Protein backbone atom coordinates (compact mmCIF):
# COMPACT_ATOMS: atom_id res chain seq x y z
CA MET A 1 18.89 -1.18 -44.40
CA GLU A 2 15.79 0.43 -45.93
CA ARG A 3 17.39 3.88 -46.01
CA GLY A 4 20.73 2.62 -47.28
CA LEU A 5 22.67 4.32 -44.48
CA ALA A 6 26.44 4.10 -44.23
CA THR A 7 28.01 1.66 -41.76
CA HIS A 8 29.45 4.52 -39.66
CA THR A 9 26.00 6.11 -39.40
CA LEU A 10 24.45 2.84 -38.23
CA GLN A 11 27.18 2.42 -35.61
CA ALA A 12 26.57 5.95 -34.35
CA TYR A 13 22.81 5.36 -34.11
CA ARG A 14 23.44 2.11 -32.24
CA ARG A 15 25.63 3.90 -29.69
CA ASP A 16 23.04 6.65 -29.30
CA LEU A 17 20.23 4.16 -28.63
CA GLN A 18 22.34 2.17 -26.19
CA ARG A 19 22.99 5.37 -24.23
CA TYR A 20 19.28 6.23 -24.40
CA ALA A 21 18.29 2.81 -23.05
CA ALA A 22 20.85 3.08 -20.24
CA THR A 23 19.54 6.53 -19.31
CA LEU A 24 15.95 5.27 -19.14
CA HIS A 25 16.94 2.22 -17.12
CA ALA A 26 18.73 4.46 -14.61
CA THR A 27 15.44 6.26 -13.99
CA GLY A 28 13.53 3.00 -13.58
CA CYS A 29 11.86 3.01 -17.00
CA THR A 30 12.31 -0.38 -18.66
CA GLN A 31 9.29 -0.55 -20.99
CA ILE A 32 9.11 1.46 -24.20
CA ASP A 33 5.37 2.06 -23.79
CA ARG A 34 6.09 3.79 -20.46
CA VAL A 35 8.37 6.46 -21.95
CA THR A 36 7.01 10.01 -21.82
CA THR A 37 7.83 13.17 -23.74
CA THR A 38 9.50 14.47 -20.58
CA ASP A 39 11.83 11.45 -20.55
CA VAL A 40 12.90 12.17 -24.13
CA ALA A 41 13.38 15.90 -23.43
CA ASP A 42 15.41 15.11 -20.29
CA PHE A 43 17.62 12.78 -22.33
CA LEU A 44 18.32 15.59 -24.80
CA ALA A 45 19.15 17.94 -21.91
CA ARG A 46 21.60 15.40 -20.45
CA LEU A 47 23.29 15.06 -23.83
CA ARG A 48 23.88 18.81 -23.97
CA GLU A 49 24.95 19.08 -20.32
CA GLY A 50 27.07 15.92 -20.08
CA ASP A 51 27.62 13.81 -16.99
CA GLU A 52 30.45 12.11 -15.13
CA ASP A 53 30.76 9.47 -17.86
CA HIS A 54 30.13 11.60 -20.95
CA PRO A 55 31.27 15.08 -21.99
CA PRO A 56 28.65 17.55 -23.25
CA LEU A 57 27.71 16.98 -26.88
CA GLN A 58 27.64 19.65 -29.52
CA ALA A 59 24.31 20.45 -31.14
CA SER A 60 25.08 18.33 -34.21
CA SER A 61 25.92 15.18 -32.20
CA ALA A 62 22.99 15.67 -29.82
CA GLY A 63 20.75 16.21 -32.84
CA ARG A 64 21.86 12.92 -34.35
CA ALA A 65 21.02 11.12 -31.09
CA VAL A 66 17.55 12.70 -31.01
CA VAL A 67 16.98 11.62 -34.61
CA ALA A 68 17.83 8.05 -33.60
CA VAL A 69 15.45 8.22 -30.63
CA ARG A 70 12.66 9.69 -32.76
CA GLY A 71 13.16 6.91 -35.28
CA LEU A 72 12.93 4.29 -32.54
CA HIS A 73 9.63 5.63 -31.17
CA ALA A 74 8.14 6.13 -34.64
CA PHE A 75 9.00 2.51 -35.39
CA ALA A 76 7.48 1.33 -32.10
CA LEU A 77 4.25 3.19 -32.88
CA ALA A 78 4.10 1.80 -36.44
CA GLU A 79 4.62 -1.73 -35.12
CA GLY A 80 1.90 -1.38 -32.51
CA LEU A 81 4.31 -1.59 -29.58
CA THR A 82 3.11 1.75 -28.19
CA ALA A 83 -0.12 3.75 -28.31
CA ASP A 84 1.57 7.08 -29.05
CA ASP A 85 4.92 8.64 -29.98
CA PRO A 86 6.42 10.56 -27.03
CA ALA A 87 9.38 11.80 -29.11
CA ARG A 88 7.30 13.38 -31.89
CA THR A 89 7.33 16.87 -30.41
CA VAL A 90 10.97 16.84 -29.24
CA ARG A 91 13.04 18.67 -31.85
CA PRO A 92 16.79 18.27 -32.33
CA PRO A 93 18.79 21.35 -31.28
CA ALA A 94 19.59 23.70 -34.15
CA PRO A 95 23.33 23.60 -34.85
CA PRO A 96 25.12 26.94 -35.18
CA ARG A 97 25.56 28.07 -38.77
CA ARG A 98 29.31 27.79 -39.27
CA LEU A 99 31.02 28.75 -42.48
CA PRO A 100 33.04 25.92 -44.02
CA LYS A 101 36.79 26.33 -43.84
CA ALA A 102 38.67 26.56 -47.10
CA ILE A 103 42.28 27.16 -48.08
CA SER A 104 43.44 29.28 -50.97
CA VAL A 105 44.52 27.98 -54.37
CA PRO A 106 48.23 28.67 -53.64
CA GLU A 107 47.88 26.78 -50.34
CA VAL A 108 46.29 23.84 -52.16
CA THR A 109 49.23 23.83 -54.57
CA ARG A 110 51.69 23.80 -51.65
CA LEU A 111 49.81 20.90 -50.08
CA LEU A 112 49.79 18.84 -53.28
CA ASP A 113 53.49 19.50 -53.87
CA ALA A 114 54.29 18.29 -50.34
CA ALA A 115 53.35 14.63 -50.91
CA GLY A 116 55.82 12.19 -49.35
CA LEU A 117 58.86 10.47 -50.78
CA GLY A 118 59.26 7.20 -52.69
CA GLN A 119 56.45 5.02 -54.00
CA ALA A 120 54.10 6.34 -51.33
CA ALA A 121 54.62 9.84 -52.75
CA LEU A 122 53.00 8.88 -56.06
CA ARG A 123 50.06 7.30 -54.25
CA ASP A 124 49.65 10.21 -51.84
CA ARG A 125 49.91 12.81 -54.61
CA ALA A 126 47.27 10.93 -56.62
CA LEU A 127 45.05 10.67 -53.52
CA LEU A 128 45.27 14.38 -52.68
CA GLU A 129 44.88 15.48 -56.30
CA LEU A 130 41.76 13.33 -56.63
CA LEU A 131 40.26 14.66 -53.39
CA TYR A 132 40.67 18.25 -54.52
CA ALA A 133 39.76 17.62 -58.18
CA THR A 134 36.43 15.94 -57.35
CA GLY A 135 35.41 17.32 -53.96
CA ALA A 136 34.89 13.73 -52.83
CA ARG A 137 34.57 12.62 -49.24
CA ILE A 138 37.56 10.65 -47.99
CA SER A 139 35.35 7.57 -47.51
CA GLU A 140 34.32 7.79 -51.17
CA VAL A 141 37.91 7.97 -52.42
CA VAL A 142 39.29 5.07 -50.37
CA ALA A 143 36.31 2.97 -51.50
CA LEU A 144 37.21 3.46 -55.18
CA ASP A 145 38.20 0.49 -57.32
CA VAL A 146 40.40 0.82 -60.39
CA ASP A 147 37.35 0.07 -62.56
CA ASP A 148 35.59 3.17 -61.19
CA LEU A 149 38.03 5.38 -63.11
CA ASP A 150 37.86 6.29 -66.78
CA LEU A 151 41.02 8.19 -67.71
CA THR A 152 41.07 7.23 -71.37
CA LYS A 153 38.74 9.84 -72.85
CA ALA A 154 40.77 13.01 -72.46
CA ARG A 155 43.98 11.11 -73.22
CA ALA A 156 42.49 9.87 -76.49
CA ALA A 157 41.24 13.36 -77.28
CA ARG A 158 44.71 14.86 -76.76
CA ALA A 159 46.34 12.17 -78.85
CA GLY A 160 43.81 12.35 -81.67
CA GLY A 161 43.17 16.07 -81.59
CA ALA A 162 39.46 15.60 -81.00
CA GLY A 163 37.50 18.76 -81.65
CA GLY A 164 33.94 19.80 -81.13
CA SER A 165 32.23 22.01 -78.61
CA SER A 166 32.07 19.27 -75.93
CA PRO A 167 35.60 18.06 -75.15
CA LEU A 168 35.97 14.56 -73.78
CA VAL A 169 36.81 14.42 -70.09
CA ASN A 170 38.10 11.93 -67.57
CA THR A 171 35.54 10.73 -65.05
CA VAL A 172 35.29 8.84 -61.77
CA ARG A 173 32.25 7.07 -60.35
CA LEU A 174 31.77 7.95 -56.68
CA ARG A 175 29.42 6.20 -54.26
CA GLY A 176 28.08 8.65 -51.73
CA LYS A 177 25.76 8.55 -48.74
CA GLY A 178 22.83 6.18 -49.07
CA GLY A 179 24.64 4.25 -51.80
CA LYS A 180 23.91 6.99 -54.36
CA GLU A 181 26.31 7.06 -57.29
CA ARG A 182 27.44 10.10 -59.23
CA LEU A 183 29.81 10.57 -62.15
CA VAL A 184 32.30 13.39 -61.54
CA PRO A 185 34.80 14.89 -64.01
CA VAL A 186 38.51 14.55 -63.20
CA GLY A 187 40.86 17.35 -64.25
CA SER A 188 44.08 16.74 -66.15
CA TYR A 189 46.36 17.33 -63.14
CA ALA A 190 44.59 14.68 -61.07
CA ALA A 191 44.31 12.33 -64.06
CA ASP A 192 48.06 12.58 -64.72
CA ALA A 193 48.86 12.02 -61.03
CA VAL A 194 46.58 8.96 -60.83
CA GLY A 195 47.99 7.64 -64.12
CA ALA A 196 51.56 7.96 -62.82
CA TYR A 197 50.59 6.14 -59.62
CA LEU A 198 48.87 3.31 -61.53
CA VAL A 199 51.90 2.74 -63.75
CA ARG A 200 54.85 3.42 -61.44
CA ALA A 201 53.73 2.65 -57.89
CA ARG A 202 50.56 0.59 -57.61
CA PRO A 203 52.02 -2.64 -59.15
CA ALA A 204 54.77 -2.72 -56.50
CA LEU A 205 52.24 -2.07 -53.71
CA ALA A 206 49.95 -4.80 -55.07
CA ALA A 207 52.86 -7.26 -55.04
CA GLY A 208 53.23 -6.70 -51.30
CA SER A 209 49.97 -8.50 -50.56
CA GLY A 210 51.47 -11.95 -51.13
CA ARG A 211 48.05 -13.14 -52.27
CA GLY A 212 47.25 -14.65 -55.63
CA GLN A 213 44.17 -12.47 -56.11
CA PRO A 214 45.15 -8.78 -56.22
CA SER A 215 42.92 -6.19 -54.59
CA PRO A 216 40.61 -4.25 -56.93
CA ALA A 217 41.09 -1.14 -54.77
CA LEU A 218 42.51 1.94 -56.44
CA PHE A 219 44.56 3.08 -53.46
CA LEU A 220 46.62 0.40 -51.73
CA ASN A 221 48.63 0.34 -48.52
CA ALA A 222 52.12 -1.08 -48.12
CA ARG A 223 50.69 -4.60 -47.59
CA GLY A 224 48.74 -4.51 -50.84
CA GLY A 225 45.33 -4.11 -49.19
CA ARG A 226 42.86 -1.27 -49.54
CA LEU A 227 44.06 1.99 -48.03
CA THR A 228 41.96 2.83 -44.96
CA ARG A 229 40.44 6.17 -44.02
CA GLN A 230 43.02 6.41 -41.26
CA GLY A 231 45.83 5.78 -43.73
CA ALA A 232 44.50 8.45 -46.09
CA TRP A 233 44.17 10.85 -43.16
CA GLY A 234 47.79 10.16 -42.24
CA ALA A 235 48.98 10.92 -45.78
CA LEU A 236 47.11 14.22 -45.78
CA ARG A 237 48.30 15.17 -42.31
CA ALA A 238 51.94 14.49 -43.23
CA ALA A 239 51.68 16.56 -46.42
CA ALA A 240 50.00 19.42 -44.52
CA THR A 241 52.81 19.41 -41.94
CA ARG A 242 55.47 19.56 -44.65
CA ALA A 243 53.56 22.37 -46.38
CA GLY A 244 53.30 24.35 -43.15
CA LEU A 245 49.50 24.27 -43.16
CA ALA A 246 47.47 23.86 -39.99
CA GLU A 247 44.02 22.33 -39.58
CA VAL A 248 43.84 20.76 -43.04
CA SER A 249 41.46 17.82 -43.30
CA PRO A 250 39.81 15.95 -46.19
CA HIS A 251 36.70 18.03 -45.58
CA VAL A 252 38.75 21.22 -45.88
CA LEU A 253 39.78 20.07 -49.35
CA ARG A 254 36.12 19.36 -50.13
CA HIS A 255 35.16 22.84 -48.92
CA SER A 256 38.00 24.36 -50.96
CA PHE A 257 36.81 22.51 -54.06
CA ALA A 258 33.30 23.97 -53.71
CA THR A 259 34.47 27.46 -52.80
CA HIS A 260 36.94 27.69 -55.68
CA LEU A 261 34.30 26.49 -58.16
CA LEU A 262 31.83 29.12 -56.99
CA ASP A 263 34.53 31.79 -57.07
CA GLY A 264 35.19 30.76 -60.65
CA GLY A 265 31.55 31.33 -61.61
CA ALA A 266 30.09 27.80 -61.30
CA ASP A 267 26.35 27.50 -60.76
CA VAL A 268 25.43 26.39 -57.23
CA ARG A 269 23.27 23.54 -58.57
CA VAL A 270 26.20 22.20 -60.57
CA VAL A 271 28.32 22.25 -57.42
CA GLN A 272 25.46 20.49 -55.59
CA GLU A 273 25.56 17.63 -58.11
CA LEU A 274 29.34 17.36 -57.95
CA LEU A 275 29.33 17.23 -54.14
CA GLY A 276 26.46 14.73 -54.04
CA HIS A 277 24.27 16.90 -51.78
CA ALA A 278 20.65 15.80 -51.64
CA SER A 279 19.48 19.39 -51.17
CA VAL A 280 20.80 22.61 -52.67
CA THR A 281 20.30 24.21 -49.23
CA THR A 282 23.34 22.28 -48.01
CA THR A 283 25.43 23.63 -50.87
CA GLN A 284 24.27 27.23 -50.50
CA VAL A 285 26.34 27.67 -47.33
CA TYR A 286 29.36 27.91 -49.62
CA THR A 287 27.95 31.03 -51.24
CA LEU A 288 28.49 32.82 -47.91
CA VAL A 289 32.20 32.06 -48.13
CA THR A 290 32.53 33.93 -51.40
CA VAL A 291 31.27 37.29 -50.14
CA ASP A 292 34.66 38.88 -50.86
CA LYS A 293 34.34 37.72 -54.46
CA LEU A 294 30.87 39.26 -54.63
CA ARG A 295 32.23 42.57 -53.38
CA GLU A 296 34.95 42.51 -56.03
CA VAL A 297 32.44 41.83 -58.82
CA TYR A 298 30.09 44.53 -57.52
CA ALA A 299 32.87 47.11 -57.26
CA ALA A 300 34.08 46.33 -60.76
CA ALA A 301 30.68 46.10 -62.47
CA HIS A 302 28.30 48.58 -60.84
CA PRO A 303 28.51 52.09 -62.35
CA ARG A 304 28.09 53.79 -58.98
CA ALA A 305 29.87 51.31 -56.73
CA VAL A 306 32.92 53.53 -56.20
CA GLY A 307 32.33 57.13 -55.21
């Protein structure tokens, strides 16, 4: 509550602590002030090794469990339930540094063109266009309400021929981790796709609810309720299959968004703000993906790059 964590994060922490308590009970430790640093370290080792009831956890999942355990013992110490913190010196395992996956611009175009048929096609095309245009997490997009969108600015500028050095742009208000909000520009392709969905498909989907009070959600399912993460995943998976693309997920679109921006010359701190990363260190991993682009620029610009 104090940290404003997402519901899924709280559920994961709860599962981690339940497993921790069960592990301690199995060794005969039932009092939190009896837990030792060895107990905490052994728990981490069991997470990585697995047992007959649980498969081995990757470093990232085991690290999350250790963070939950460290939080529990720090809380117990602060509340006077224990005299010391046995988890203080137990560090989460360092996850391997993996490069984010990204697909090329032509592959993104194929994916967007492969949205389904009928009314759902307009919704799915708008959903996928918005994911790629903003780099949003899938949970952020399905949580959008119609009022979070402002698609009138660029439309008014095109109609009125607005000039000036700062063109008006469409925007969307996204709510990220920890309840933090950010305002992200929306490109014309995504704005047109969302506009077509709002006019030609969403009213019919909203009518399917059978309720007097329509849902404020931007993306609706066939029953007129808010589209779920699973429903959005299904729309993306179906489009990826039709496009002949393997291993495409909402996060792959997010990675592609960041990679393509950096390839186009965007500043890493601008990309950080657009992605909603708390630290630029998280965003800098994308700069490793663009090493081919760096080679191209070096070869073209340095006077002695080519012998």
